Amino acid sequence: MQTAQPRWVQAILLYLLVANTLPGAWALFMPRNFYDSFPGFGRTWVSVDGPFNEHLIRDVGAFFLALATLCLLTLAAPRLITVRATAICLLTFHVPHLLYHLNHLHMLPLIDQVGNVVTLSLSVLLITLLLFYRPIQARSQVLF
């Protein structure tokens, strides 16, 4: 019998896939633009934190894409171990990332402080929910 992921697990993984792919591809392929313009819409969250370092920005982009790939593989292989391993790997990055930004909010205007805390906290919350995933068995399809 094949295991199926509940829709809420698929939705979280899909969100995390997109949330890691967009900044990852941007940073990897357009590091200077990412540094100057992330998260976009006239806001800047990266350039306020020190001088541009192309190597570091490209590495961060590649790392985000690696996490996105992990999410994609977990969507493709619906197993308890893949969901839990993905959640643990994502939390290993996202919790320290959130903590760093919480300790450096003073560099940003209030609107960006709120946006930063909300987006980073949402990721940590959604990833944490994946730790509660319990597999369900797919019903056998009967063809008449």
C-alpha atoms as a PDB file:
ATOM      1  CA  MET A   1       0.000   0.000   0.000  1.00  0.00           C
ATOM      2  CA  GLN A   2       1.309   3.447  -0.919  1.00  0.00           C
ATOM      3  CA  THR A   3       1.623   6.309   1.566  1.00  0.00           C
ATOM      4  CA  ALA A   4      -0.051   9.632   0.764  1.00  0.00           C
ATOM      5  CA  GLN A   5       0.728  13.024   2.230  1.00  0.00           C
ATOM      6  CA  PRO A   6      -2.166  15.013   3.644  1.00  0.00           C
ATOM      7  CA  ARG A   7      -2.968  18.190   1.723  1.00  0.00           C
ATOM      8  CA  TRP A   8      -1.735  20.385   4.588  1.00  0.00           C
ATOM      9  CA  VAL A   9       1.712  18.749   4.379  1.00  0.00           C
ATOM     10  CA  GLN A  10       1.778  19.194   0.617  1.00  0.00           C
ATOM     11  CA  ALA A  11       0.705  22.846   0.965  1.00  0.00           C
ATOM     12  CA  ILE A  12       3.449  23.600   3.499  1.00  0.00           C
ATOM     13  CA  LEU A  13       6.084  21.847   1.396  1.00  0.00           C
ATOM     14  CA  LEU A  14       4.938  23.706  -1.718  1.00  0.00           C
ATOM     15  CA  TYR A  15       5.074  27.042   0.148  1.00  0.00           C
ATOM     16  CA  LEU A  16       8.579  26.230   1.426  1.00  0.00           C
ATOM     17  CA  LEU A  17       9.646  25.142  -2.056  1.00  0.00           C
ATOM     18  CA  VAL A  18       8.638  28.537  -3.458  1.00  0.00           C
ATOM     19  CA  ALA A  19       9.868  30.494  -0.413  1.00  0.00           C
ATOM     20  CA  ASN A  20      13.349  28.968  -0.786  1.00  0.00           C
ATOM     21  CA  THR A  21      13.493  28.922  -4.598  1.00  0.00           C
ATOM     22  CA  LEU A  22      12.760  32.607  -5.160  1.00  0.00           C
ATOM     23  CA  PRO A  23      15.498  34.106  -2.964  1.00  0.00           C
ATOM     24  CA  GLY A  24      17.817  31.223  -3.822  1.00  0.00           C
ATOM     25  CA  ALA A  25      17.676  31.708  -7.570  1.00  0.00           C
ATOM     26  CA  TRP A  26      17.790  35.491  -7.177  1.00  0.00           C
ATOM     27  CA  ALA A  27      20.884  35.392  -4.938  1.00  0.00           C
ATOM     28  CA  LEU A  28      22.698  32.747  -6.977  1.00  0.00           C
ATOM     29  CA  PHE A  29      22.139  34.220 -10.422  1.00  0.00           C
ATOM     30  CA  MET A  30      21.904  37.967  -9.618  1.00  0.00           C
ATOM     31  CA  PRO A  31      23.907  38.399  -6.410  1.00  0.00           C
ATOM     32  CA  ARG A  32      24.428  42.160  -6.661  1.00  0.00           C
ATOM     33  CA  ASN A  33      20.763  42.798  -7.394  1.00  0.00           C
ATOM     34  CA  PHE A  34      19.752  40.496  -4.521  1.00  0.00           C
ATOM     35  CA  TYR A  35      22.101  42.354  -2.162  1.00  0.00           C
ATOM     36  CA  ASP A  36      20.800  45.774  -3.231  1.00  0.00           C
ATOM     37  CA  SER A  37      17.097  44.919  -3.565  1.00  0.00           C
ATOM     38  CA  PHE A  38      15.970  41.956  -1.430  1.00  0.00           C
ATOM     39  CA  PRO A  39      13.063  41.474  -0.630  1.00  0.00           C
ATOM     40  CA  GLY A  40      11.979  43.765  -3.464  1.00  0.00           C
ATOM     41  CA  PHE A  41       9.161  46.315  -3.669  1.00  0.00           C
ATOM     42  CA  GLY A  42      11.586  49.121  -2.810  1.00  0.00           C
ATOM     43  CA  ARG A  43      12.673  47.506   0.470  1.00  0.00           C
ATOM     44  CA  THR A  44      16.234  46.449   1.377  1.00  0.00           C
ATOM     45  CA  TRP A  45      17.008  43.866   4.051  1.00  0.00           C
ATOM     46  CA  VAL A  46      20.456  42.598   3.038  1.00  0.00           C
ATOM     47  CA  SER A  47      22.500  45.667   2.135  1.00  0.00           C
ATOM     48  CA  VAL A  48      21.926  47.240   5.575  1.00  0.00           C
ATOM     49  CA  ASP A  49      24.013  44.459   7.152  1.00  0.00           C
ATOM     50  CA  GLY A  50      27.473  45.040   5.727  1.00  0.00           C
ATOM     51  CA  PRO A  51      29.429  45.284   2.494  1.00  0.00           C
ATOM     52  CA  PHE A  52      28.638  43.253  -0.608  1.00  0.00           C
ATOM     53  CA  ASN A  53      30.351  39.870  -0.832  1.00  0.00           C
ATOM     54  CA  GLU A  54      29.542  38.067  -4.084  1.00  0.00           C
ATOM     55  CA  HIS A  55      30.888  34.742  -2.863  1.00  0.00           C
ATOM     56  CA  LEU A  56      28.754  34.819   0.269  1.00  0.00           C
ATOM     57  CA  ILE A  57      25.591  35.903  -1.571  1.00  0.00           C
ATOM     58  CA  ARG A  58      25.994  33.180  -4.227  1.00  0.00           C
ATOM     59  CA  ASP A  59      26.620  30.560  -1.517  1.00  0.00           C
ATOM     60  CA  VAL A  60      23.463  31.656   0.295  1.00  0.00           C
ATOM     61  CA  GLY A  61      21.539  31.401  -2.969  1.00  0.00           C
ATOM     62  CA  ALA A  62      22.846  27.893  -3.601  1.00  0.00           C
ATOM     63  CA  PHE A  63      21.958  26.913  -0.046  1.00  0.00           C
ATOM     64  CA  PHE A  64      18.382  28.179  -0.433  1.00  0.00           C
ATOM     65  CA  LEU A  65      18.104  26.210  -3.689  1.00  0.00           C
ATOM     66  CA  ALA A  66      19.395  23.094  -1.921  1.00  0.00           C
ATOM     67  CA  LEU A  67      16.625  23.481   0.663  1.00  0.00           C
ATOM     68  CA  ALA A  68      14.100  23.993  -2.134  1.00  0.00           C
ATOM     69  CA  THR A  69      15.337  20.797  -3.780  1.00  0.00           C
ATOM     70  CA  LEU A  70      14.889  18.964  -0.497  1.00  0.00           C
ATOM     71  CA  CYS A  71      11.277  20.201  -0.349  1.00  0.00           C
ATOM     72  CA  LEU A  72      10.688  19.067  -3.931  1.00  0.00           C
ATOM     73  CA  LEU A  73      12.098  15.613  -3.235  1.00  0.00           C
ATOM     74  CA  THR A  74       9.928  15.318  -0.136  1.00  0.00           C
ATOM     75  CA  LEU A  75       6.850  16.187  -2.172  1.00  0.00           C
ATOM     76  CA  ALA A  76       7.843  13.460  -4.642  1.00  0.00           C
ATOM     77  CA  ALA A  77       8.590  10.833  -1.952  1.00  0.00           C
ATOM     78  CA  PRO A  78       5.762  10.935   0.599  1.00  0.00           C
ATOM     79  CA  ARG A  79       7.296   9.082   3.507  1.00  0.00           C
ATOM     80  CA  LEU A  80       7.379   9.903   7.203  1.00  0.00           C
ATOM     81  CA  ILE A  81      11.174   9.925   7.233  1.00  0.00           C
ATOM     82  CA  THR A  82      11.450  12.343   4.293  1.00  0.00           C
ATOM     83  CA  VAL A  83       9.017  14.828   5.817  1.00  0.00           C
ATOM     84  CA  ARG A  84      10.701  14.698   9.226  1.00  0.00           C
ATOM     85  CA  ALA A  85      14.222  14.883   7.772  1.00  0.00           C
ATOM     86  CA  THR A  86      13.205  17.846   5.645  1.00  0.00           C
ATOM     87  CA  ALA A  87      11.671  19.612   8.640  1.00  0.00           C
ATOM     88  CA  ILE A  88      14.796  19.053  10.731  1.00  0.00           C
ATOM     89  CA  CYS A  89      17.098  20.289   7.942  1.00  0.00           C
ATOM     90  CA  LEU A  90      14.949  23.355   7.334  1.00  0.00           C
ATOM     91  CA  LEU A  91      14.761  24.176  11.050  1.00  0.00           C
ATOM     92  CA  THR A  92      18.549  23.838  11.305  1.00  0.00           C
ATOM     93  CA  PHE A  93      18.771  26.808   8.958  1.00  0.00           C
ATOM     94  CA  HIS A  94      15.597  28.789   9.620  1.00  0.00           C
ATOM     95  CA  VAL A  95      15.729  28.977  13.442  1.00  0.00           C
ATOM     96  CA  PRO A  96      19.226  30.538  13.612  1.00  0.00           C
ATOM     97  CA  HIS A  97      18.280  32.721  10.630  1.00  0.00           C
ATOM     98  CA  LEU A  98      15.220  34.001  12.521  1.00  0.00           C
ATOM     99  CA  LEU A  99      17.227  34.523  15.728  1.00  0.00           C
ATOM    100  CA  TYR A 100      19.889  36.514  13.889  1.00  0.00           C
ATOM    101  CA  HIS A 101      17.300  38.812  12.376  1.00  0.00           C
ATOM    102  CA  LEU A 102      15.438  39.232  15.676  1.00  0.00           C
ATOM    103  CA  ASN A 103      18.702  40.477  17.193  1.00  0.00           C
ATOM    104  CA  HIS A 104      19.395  42.887  14.328  1.00  0.00           C
ATOM    105  CA  LEU A 105      16.024  44.523  13.732  1.00  0.00           C
ATOM    106  CA  HIS A 106      17.416  47.913  14.743  1.00  0.00           C
ATOM    107  CA  MET A 107      18.994  48.247  11.276  1.00  0.00           C
ATOM    108  CA  LEU A 108      15.598  48.299   9.566  1.00  0.00           C
ATOM    109  CA  PRO A 109      12.663  50.730   9.478  1.00  0.00           C
ATOM    110  CA  LEU A 110       9.571  49.581  11.420  1.00  0.00           C
ATOM    111  CA  ILE A 111       7.699  48.309   8.338  1.00  0.00           C
ATOM    112  CA  ASP A 112      10.678  46.122   7.419  1.00  0.00           C
ATOM    113  CA  GLN A 113      11.066  44.920  11.012  1.00  0.00           C
ATOM    114  CA  VAL A 114       7.463  43.693  10.923  1.00  0.00           C
ATOM    115  CA  GLY A 115       7.850  42.121   7.477  1.00  0.00           C
ATOM    116  CA  ASN A 116      11.084  40.429   8.507  1.00  0.00           C
ATOM    117  CA  VAL A 117       9.674  38.976  11.736  1.00  0.00           C
ATOM    118  CA  VAL A 118       6.402  37.859  10.130  1.00  0.00           C
ATOM    119  CA  THR A 119       7.944  36.128   7.108  1.00  0.00           C
ATOM    120  CA  LEU A 120      10.763  34.421   9.010  1.00  0.00           C
ATOM    121  CA  SER A 121       8.501  33.379  11.908  1.00  0.00           C
ATOM    122  CA  LEU A 122       5.908  32.001   9.490  1.00  0.00           C
ATOM    123  CA  SER A 123       8.519  29.739   7.921  1.00  0.00           C
ATOM    124  CA  VAL A 124       9.637  28.422  11.320  1.00  0.00           C
ATOM    125  CA  LEU A 125       6.016  27.845  12.382  1.00  0.00           C
ATOM    126  CA  LEU A 126       5.123  25.980   9.181  1.00  0.00           C
ATOM    127  CA  ILE A 127       8.270  23.867   9.328  1.00  0.00           C
ATOM    128  CA  THR A 128       7.524  22.986  12.961  1.00  0.00           C
ATOM    129  CA  LEU A 129       4.056  21.779  11.930  1.00  0.00           C
ATOM    130  CA  LEU A 130       5.738  19.247   9.629  1.00  0.00           C
ATOM    131  CA  LEU A 131       7.192  17.548  12.715  1.00  0.00           C
ATOM    132  CA  PHE A 132       3.623  16.550  13.634  1.00  0.00           C
ATOM    133  CA  TYR A 133       3.039  14.790  10.327  1.00  0.00           C
ATOM    134  CA  ARG A 134       1.707  11.257  10.620  1.00  0.00           C
ATOM    135  CA  PRO A 135       1.429   9.196   7.440  1.00  0.00           C
ATOM    136  CA  ILE A 136      -1.928   8.068   6.155  1.00  0.00           C
ATOM    137  CA  GLN A 137      -2.489   5.113   3.896  1.00  0.00           C
ATOM    138  CA  ALA A 138      -3.879   5.850   0.462  1.00  0.00           C
ATOM    139  CA  ARG A 139      -7.106   4.076  -0.280  1.00  0.00           C
ATOM    140  CA  SER A 140      -6.929   1.426  -2.931  1.00  0.00           C
ATOM    141  CA  GLN A 141      -8.544   2.570  -6.119  1.00  0.00           C
ATOM    142  CA  VAL A 142     -11.183   0.143  -7.321  1.00  0.00           C
ATOM    143  CA  LEU A 143     -11.901   0.330 -11.013  1.00  0.00           C
ATOM    144  CA  PHE A 144     -15.237  -0.972 -12.271  1.00  0.00           C
END
